[in-house]
Amino acid sequence: MHYYIFSDLIIRLKLAYKSHYVSIKVLKNKFTIKFLYLLQKIGLIRGFFFLQNEDLILVYLKYMNGKALINNIDIISKPSRRIYWTLNFLSKNYRKHNFAMIYIISTPKGLLTQNDILLKKNFSGEILCKIKI
């Protein structure tokens, strides 16, 4: 159930940014809330709030000069094929894409970006998605 809701969130974000929507509604669960807090911390969404008497979250998308901040967002790890990267592989891949990609990684410390992991240099985890800016 957790991956179904996460993949639904990713697909809704992708389509909403391509269609230039101002906001979208997504299903609410703990993992979605953590993911949205991380996107807000990075600055890729304006914010979100919980709708009363519903299991939905209203997410406000962010645009800069009429252009979407997220060009593309893709799911990497799936229930049938989980992808784990080591710290060494993550640093090589980070330099290869010339800082144009943000990877969201599920770690024992919670959801983090590759920047957070490369700065702390003590753990790695499951790669959930990549976001092209």
N, C-alpha and C. Protein backbone atom coordinates (compact mmCIF):
# COMPACT_ATOMS: atom_id res chain seq x y z
N MET A 1 0.82 -1.19 0.00
CA MET A 1 0.00 0.00 0.00
C MET A 1 0.87 1.26 0.00
N HIS A 2 1.98 1.20 0.70
CA HIS A 2 2.88 2.35 0.83
C HIS A 2 3.43 2.76 -0.53
N TYR A 3 3.84 1.79 -1.36
CA TYR A 3 4.40 2.13 -2.67
C TYR A 3 3.33 2.57 -3.66
N TYR A 4 2.11 2.06 -3.51
CA TYR A 4 1.04 2.50 -4.38
C TYR A 4 0.77 3.99 -4.19
N ILE A 5 0.70 4.43 -2.95
CA ILE A 5 0.42 5.84 -2.67
C ILE A 5 1.60 6.71 -3.10
N PHE A 6 2.83 6.23 -2.89
CA PHE A 6 4.01 6.99 -3.29
C PHE A 6 4.08 7.13 -4.81
N SER A 7 3.84 6.05 -5.54
CA SER A 7 3.89 6.14 -7.01
C SER A 7 2.75 7.01 -7.53
N ASP A 8 1.59 6.98 -6.87
CA ASP A 8 0.49 7.86 -7.25
C ASP A 8 0.88 9.32 -7.05
N LEU A 9 1.57 9.63 -5.96
CA LEU A 9 2.04 10.99 -5.70
C LEU A 9 3.02 11.45 -6.78
N ILE A 10 3.96 10.59 -7.15
CA ILE A 10 4.96 10.94 -8.16
C ILE A 10 4.29 11.21 -9.51
N ILE A 11 3.37 10.37 -9.89
CA ILE A 11 2.68 10.53 -11.17
C ILE A 11 1.84 11.81 -11.18
N ARG A 12 1.16 12.10 -10.07
CA ARG A 12 0.36 13.32 -10.00
C ARG A 12 1.25 14.57 -10.07
N LEU A 13 2.40 14.53 -9.38
CA LEU A 13 3.33 15.66 -9.45
C LEU A 13 3.84 15.88 -10.87
N LYS A 14 4.23 14.80 -11.52
CA LYS A 14 4.76 14.89 -12.88
C LYS A 14 3.73 15.49 -13.83
N LEU A 15 2.51 14.99 -13.80
CA LEU A 15 1.48 15.49 -14.70
C LEU A 15 1.05 16.92 -14.36
N ALA A 16 1.02 17.24 -13.08
CA ALA A 16 0.62 18.59 -12.68
C ALA A 16 1.64 19.63 -13.12
N TYR A 17 2.93 19.32 -12.99
CA TYR A 17 3.95 20.27 -13.43
C TYR A 17 3.94 20.43 -14.95
N LYS A 18 3.68 19.35 -15.67
CA LYS A 18 3.62 19.46 -17.13
C LYS A 18 2.40 20.25 -17.58
N SER A 19 1.30 20.17 -16.82
CA SER A 19 0.07 20.88 -17.18
C SER A 19 -0.03 22.25 -16.53
N HIS A 20 0.99 22.65 -15.77
CA HIS A 20 1.04 23.95 -15.09
C HIS A 20 -0.12 24.17 -14.13
N TYR A 21 -0.44 23.14 -13.35
CA TYR A 21 -1.46 23.28 -12.30
C TYR A 21 -0.89 24.09 -11.15
N VAL A 22 -1.76 24.76 -10.43
CA VAL A 22 -1.36 25.54 -9.26
C VAL A 22 -1.27 24.62 -8.04
N SER A 23 -2.21 23.68 -7.92
CA SER A 23 -2.21 22.76 -6.79
C SER A 23 -2.79 21.42 -7.20
N ILE A 24 -2.50 20.41 -6.40
CA ILE A 24 -3.04 19.08 -6.62
C ILE A 24 -3.44 18.48 -5.28
N LYS A 25 -4.30 17.48 -5.34
CA LYS A 25 -4.68 16.73 -4.14
C LYS A 25 -4.05 15.35 -4.23
N VAL A 26 -3.46 14.91 -3.12
CA VAL A 26 -2.85 13.59 -3.05
C VAL A 26 -3.35 12.87 -1.81
N LEU A 27 -3.24 11.55 -1.84
CA LEU A 27 -3.66 10.74 -0.70
C LEU A 27 -2.70 10.94 0.47
N LYS A 28 -3.25 10.88 1.68
CA LYS A 28 -2.46 11.16 2.87
C LYS A 28 -2.03 9.87 3.56
N ASN A 29 -0.75 9.76 3.85
CA ASN A 29 -0.20 8.78 4.77
C ASN A 29 1.11 9.32 5.32
N LYS A 30 1.71 8.63 6.27
CA LYS A 30 2.91 9.15 6.93
C LYS A 30 4.07 9.35 5.96
N PHE A 31 4.24 8.41 5.03
CA PHE A 31 5.35 8.50 4.09
C PHE A 31 5.18 9.69 3.14
N THR A 32 3.95 9.92 2.68
CA THR A 32 3.67 11.06 1.80
C THR A 32 3.97 12.37 2.50
N ILE A 33 3.61 12.45 3.77
CA ILE A 33 3.85 13.67 4.54
C ILE A 33 5.36 13.92 4.67
N LYS A 34 6.13 12.87 4.95
CA LYS A 34 7.58 13.02 5.06
C LYS A 34 8.19 13.46 3.72
N PHE A 35 7.70 12.88 2.64
CA PHE A 35 8.20 13.23 1.31
C PHE A 35 7.88 14.68 0.97
N LEU A 36 6.68 15.12 1.28
CA LEU A 36 6.28 16.51 0.99
C LEU A 36 7.06 17.50 1.85
N TYR A 37 7.33 17.15 3.11
CA TYR A 37 8.18 18.01 3.96
C TYR A 37 9.56 18.16 3.35
N LEU A 38 10.10 17.07 2.81
CA LEU A 38 11.42 17.13 2.18
C LEU A 38 11.39 18.00 0.93
N LEU A 39 10.37 17.86 0.09
CA LEU A 39 10.25 18.69 -1.11
C LEU A 39 10.10 20.17 -0.75
N GLN A 40 9.39 20.45 0.34
CA GLN A 40 9.24 21.83 0.77
C GLN A 40 10.55 22.37 1.32
N LYS A 41 11.31 21.54 2.03
CA LYS A 41 12.61 21.95 2.57
C LYS A 41 13.59 22.27 1.44
N ILE A 42 13.55 21.46 0.39
CA ILE A 42 14.42 21.68 -0.77
C ILE A 42 13.99 22.93 -1.54
N GLY A 43 12.70 23.22 -1.52
CA GLY A 43 12.18 24.39 -2.23
C GLY A 43 11.53 24.06 -3.56
N LEU A 44 11.10 22.81 -3.73
CA LEU A 44 10.48 22.41 -4.99
C LEU A 44 8.97 22.55 -5.00
N ILE A 45 8.36 22.70 -3.83
CA ILE A 45 6.93 23.00 -3.74
C ILE A 45 6.76 24.20 -2.79
N ARG A 46 5.66 24.93 -2.97
CA ARG A 46 5.41 26.09 -2.11
C ARG A 46 4.97 25.66 -0.73
N GLY A 47 4.20 24.61 -0.66
CA GLY A 47 3.71 24.14 0.63
C GLY A 47 2.56 23.17 0.45
N PHE A 48 2.01 22.74 1.57
CA PHE A 48 0.88 21.82 1.54
C PHE A 48 0.11 21.94 2.84
N PHE A 49 -1.15 21.56 2.81
CA PHE A 49 -1.92 21.49 4.05
C PHE A 49 -2.95 20.38 3.93
N PHE A 50 -3.40 19.93 5.11
CA PHE A 50 -4.31 18.80 5.19
C PHE A 50 -5.75 19.28 5.08
N LEU A 51 -6.52 18.60 4.26
CA LEU A 51 -7.94 18.93 4.10
C LEU A 51 -8.73 18.27 5.23
N GLN A 52 -9.62 19.04 5.86
CA GLN A 52 -10.40 18.51 6.96
C GLN A 52 -11.43 17.51 6.47
N ASN A 53 -11.69 16.52 7.30
CA ASN A 53 -12.70 15.47 7.05
C ASN A 53 -12.41 14.66 5.78
N GLU A 54 -11.18 14.69 5.31
CA GLU A 54 -10.80 13.91 4.13
C GLU A 54 -9.42 13.33 4.37
N ASP A 55 -9.09 12.29 3.64
CA ASP A 55 -7.75 11.72 3.69
C ASP A 55 -6.91 12.25 2.54
N LEU A 56 -6.94 13.55 2.33
CA LEU A 56 -6.23 14.17 1.23
C LEU A 56 -5.35 15.31 1.72
N ILE A 57 -4.32 15.58 0.94
CA ILE A 57 -3.43 16.71 1.19
C ILE A 57 -3.46 17.59 -0.05
N LEU A 58 -3.59 18.88 0.15
CA LEU A 58 -3.55 19.84 -0.95
C LEU A 58 -2.12 20.37 -1.06
N VAL A 59 -1.48 20.11 -2.21
CA VAL A 59 -0.08 20.48 -2.44
C VAL A 59 -0.04 21.65 -3.42
N TYR A 60 0.64 22.73 -3.02
CA TYR A 60 0.80 23.89 -3.88
C TYR A 60 2.15 23.79 -4.61
N LEU A 61 2.10 23.81 -5.92
CA LEU A 61 3.29 23.67 -6.74
C LEU A 61 4.00 25.01 -6.90
N LYS A 62 5.26 24.95 -7.22
CA LYS A 62 6.07 26.15 -7.30
C LYS A 62 6.63 26.31 -8.72
N TYR A 63 6.54 27.54 -9.22
CA TYR A 63 7.06 27.87 -10.55
C TYR A 63 7.97 29.08 -10.43
N MET A 64 8.96 29.16 -11.31
CA MET A 64 9.88 30.29 -11.32
C MET A 64 9.83 30.91 -12.72
N ASN A 65 9.39 32.15 -12.82
CA ASN A 65 9.25 32.86 -14.09
C ASN A 65 8.39 32.09 -15.08
N GLY A 66 7.34 31.47 -14.60
CA GLY A 66 6.42 30.73 -15.45
C GLY A 66 6.89 29.34 -15.83
N LYS A 67 8.06 28.93 -15.38
CA LYS A 67 8.59 27.60 -15.69
C LYS A 67 8.56 26.74 -14.44
N ALA A 68 8.27 25.47 -14.64
CA ALA A 68 8.21 24.53 -13.53
C ALA A 68 9.60 24.30 -12.95
N LEU A 69 9.68 24.17 -11.62
CA LEU A 69 10.96 23.88 -11.00
C LEU A 69 11.38 22.44 -11.23
N ILE A 70 10.41 21.56 -11.37
CA ILE A 70 10.70 20.15 -11.63
C ILE A 70 10.45 19.87 -13.10
N ASN A 71 11.50 19.55 -13.84
CA ASN A 71 11.33 19.19 -15.25
C ASN A 71 10.82 17.76 -15.40
N ASN A 72 11.34 16.87 -14.57
CA ASN A 72 10.94 15.47 -14.65
C ASN A 72 11.16 14.83 -13.29
N ILE A 73 10.31 13.90 -12.94
CA ILE A 73 10.46 13.14 -11.71
C ILE A 73 10.15 11.68 -12.03
N ASP A 74 11.06 10.79 -11.68
CA ASP A 74 10.92 9.37 -12.00
C ASP A 74 11.13 8.51 -10.78
N ILE A 75 10.36 7.43 -10.70
CA ILE A 75 10.53 6.46 -9.64
C ILE A 75 11.67 5.52 -10.04
N ILE A 76 12.58 5.27 -9.12
CA ILE A 76 13.69 4.36 -9.40
C ILE A 76 13.45 3.01 -8.75
N SER A 77 13.22 3.01 -7.46
CA SER A 77 13.02 1.77 -6.72
C SER A 77 11.54 1.40 -6.71
N LYS A 78 11.26 0.15 -7.01
CA LYS A 78 9.89 -0.34 -7.07
C LYS A 78 9.76 -1.55 -6.15
N PRO A 79 8.55 -1.95 -5.80
CA PRO A 79 8.41 -3.13 -4.94
C PRO A 79 9.01 -4.40 -5.55
N SER A 80 8.95 -4.52 -6.86
CA SER A 80 9.50 -5.71 -7.51
C SER A 80 11.01 -5.62 -7.73
N ARG A 81 11.55 -4.41 -7.66
CA ARG A 81 12.99 -4.21 -7.92
C ARG A 81 13.49 -3.04 -7.09
N ARG A 82 14.02 -3.34 -5.94
CA ARG A 82 14.52 -2.30 -5.05
C ARG A 82 15.98 -2.00 -5.40
N ILE A 83 16.31 -0.71 -5.42
CA ILE A 83 17.65 -0.27 -5.80
C ILE A 83 18.32 0.36 -4.58
N TYR A 84 19.49 -0.16 -4.21
CA TYR A 84 20.29 0.40 -3.13
C TYR A 84 21.63 0.83 -3.71
N TRP A 85 22.07 2.02 -3.34
CA TRP A 85 23.36 2.52 -3.81
C TRP A 85 24.28 2.72 -2.62
N THR A 86 25.54 2.42 -2.84
CA THR A 86 26.53 2.68 -1.82
C THR A 86 26.91 4.16 -1.85
N LEU A 87 27.59 4.58 -0.84
CA LEU A 87 28.02 5.98 -0.77
C LEU A 87 28.98 6.32 -1.90
N ASN A 88 29.86 5.39 -2.25
CA ASN A 88 30.83 5.59 -3.32
C ASN A 88 30.11 5.76 -4.67
N PHE A 89 29.15 4.90 -4.97
CA PHE A 89 28.42 4.99 -6.22
C PHE A 89 27.58 6.26 -6.29
N LEU A 90 27.03 6.66 -5.16
CA LEU A 90 26.22 7.88 -5.10
C LEU A 90 27.06 9.11 -5.40
N SER A 91 28.28 9.17 -4.89
CA SER A 91 29.13 10.33 -5.16
C SER A 91 29.57 10.38 -6.62
N LYS A 92 29.86 9.22 -7.22
CA LYS A 92 30.23 9.19 -8.64
C LYS A 92 29.06 9.64 -9.52
N ASN A 93 27.87 9.17 -9.21
CA ASN A 93 26.69 9.52 -9.98
C ASN A 93 26.34 11.00 -9.81
N TYR A 94 26.61 11.54 -8.64
CA TYR A 94 26.34 12.95 -8.37
C TYR A 94 27.20 13.86 -9.24
N ARG A 95 28.47 13.53 -9.37
CA ARG A 95 29.37 14.33 -10.22
C ARG A 95 29.06 14.16 -11.69
N LYS A 96 28.61 12.98 -12.07
CA LYS A 96 28.32 12.68 -13.47
C LYS A 96 27.17 13.55 -14.02
N HIS A 97 26.15 13.80 -13.20
CA HIS A 97 24.99 14.56 -13.67
C HIS A 97 25.13 16.06 -13.47
N ASN A 98 26.28 16.49 -13.01
CA ASN A 98 26.59 17.92 -12.92
C ASN A 98 25.54 18.70 -12.11
N PHE A 99 25.14 18.13 -10.99
CA PHE A 99 24.26 18.79 -10.02
C PHE A 99 22.86 19.07 -10.56
N ALA A 100 22.45 18.45 -11.66
CA ALA A 100 21.13 18.71 -12.24
C ALA A 100 20.07 17.74 -11.72
N MET A 101 20.47 16.74 -10.97
CA MET A 101 19.54 15.74 -10.44
C MET A 101 19.54 15.79 -8.93
N ILE A 102 18.37 15.57 -8.37
CA ILE A 102 18.23 15.39 -6.93
C ILE A 102 17.69 13.99 -6.72
N TYR A 103 18.40 13.19 -5.94
CA TYR A 103 17.95 11.85 -5.61
C TYR A 103 17.37 11.86 -4.20
N ILE A 104 16.18 11.28 -4.06
CA ILE A 104 15.56 11.13 -2.75
C ILE A 104 15.83 9.70 -2.28
N ILE A 105 16.41 9.59 -1.08
CA ILE A 105 16.89 8.32 -0.59
C ILE A 105 16.25 8.02 0.76
N SER A 106 15.75 6.79 0.90
CA SER A 106 15.20 6.34 2.16
C SER A 106 16.32 5.69 2.96
N THR A 107 16.61 6.24 4.12
CA THR A 107 17.69 5.76 4.98
C THR A 107 17.14 5.42 6.36
N PRO A 108 17.95 4.80 7.21
CA PRO A 108 17.51 4.59 8.59
C PRO A 108 17.25 5.90 9.34
N LYS A 109 17.83 6.99 8.87
CA LYS A 109 17.63 8.30 9.49
C LYS A 109 16.41 9.03 8.92
N GLY A 110 15.71 8.44 7.96
CA GLY A 110 14.55 9.07 7.33
C GLY A 110 14.82 9.37 5.87
N LEU A 111 13.96 10.15 5.26
CA LEU A 111 14.14 10.55 3.87
C LEU A 111 15.17 11.67 3.79
N LEU A 112 16.16 11.49 2.91
CA LEU A 112 17.20 12.48 2.73
C LEU A 112 17.50 12.65 1.25
N THR A 113 18.13 13.76 0.90
CA THR A 113 18.63 13.96 -0.45
C THR A 113 20.07 13.45 -0.51
N GLN A 114 20.60 13.34 -1.73
CA GLN A 114 21.98 12.89 -1.86
C GLN A 114 22.95 13.89 -1.27
N ASN A 115 22.59 15.17 -1.26
CA ASN A 115 23.46 16.19 -0.65
C ASN A 115 23.64 15.94 0.84
N ASP A 116 22.53 15.63 1.53
CA ASP A 116 22.60 15.36 2.96
C ASP A 116 23.47 14.14 3.25
N ILE A 117 23.32 13.13 2.44
CA ILE A 117 24.10 11.89 2.65
C ILE A 117 25.57 12.12 2.35
N LEU A 118 25.87 12.83 1.27
CA LEU A 118 27.27 13.06 0.92
C LEU A 118 27.97 13.95 1.93
N LEU A 119 27.24 14.84 2.59
CA LEU A 119 27.84 15.69 3.61
C LEU A 119 28.13 14.91 4.89
N LYS A 120 27.22 14.00 5.26
CA LYS A 120 27.40 13.24 6.50
C LYS A 120 28.35 12.06 6.32
N LYS A 121 28.36 11.46 5.13
CA LYS A 121 29.29 10.40 4.74
C LYS A 121 29.35 9.22 5.71
N ASN A 122 28.20 8.76 6.17
CA ASN A 122 28.26 7.60 7.03
C ASN A 122 27.17 6.56 6.77
N PHE A 123 26.31 6.78 5.80
CA PHE A 123 25.30 5.78 5.49
C PHE A 123 24.76 5.99 4.08
N SER A 124 24.06 5.00 3.58
CA SER A 124 23.39 5.09 2.29
C SER A 124 22.04 4.39 2.44
N GLY A 125 21.31 4.19 1.33
CA GLY A 125 20.00 3.58 1.46
C GLY A 125 19.37 3.29 0.12
N GLU A 126 18.05 3.15 0.15
CA GLU A 126 17.27 2.80 -1.03
C GLU A 126 16.94 4.08 -1.81
N ILE A 127 17.25 4.09 -3.10
CA ILE A 127 16.98 5.24 -3.97
C ILE A 127 15.52 5.18 -4.38
N LEU A 128 14.73 6.15 -3.94
CA LEU A 128 13.31 6.15 -4.25
C LEU A 128 12.98 6.79 -5.58
N CYS A 129 13.50 8.00 -5.81
CA CYS A 129 13.20 8.69 -7.06
C CYS A 129 14.30 9.69 -7.39
N LYS A 130 14.29 10.11 -8.65
CA LYS A 130 15.21 11.17 -9.07
C LYS A 130 14.38 12.31 -9.64
N ILE A 131 14.82 13.50 -9.33
CA ILE A 131 14.13 14.71 -9.75
C ILE A 131 15.09 15.54 -10.60
N LYS A 132 14.69 15.79 -11.84
CA LYS A 132 15.51 16.62 -12.72
C LYS A 132 15.03 18.05 -12.62
N ILE A 133 15.97 18.93 -12.30
CA ILE A 133 15.65 20.35 -12.11
C ILE A 133 15.87 21.10 -13.40
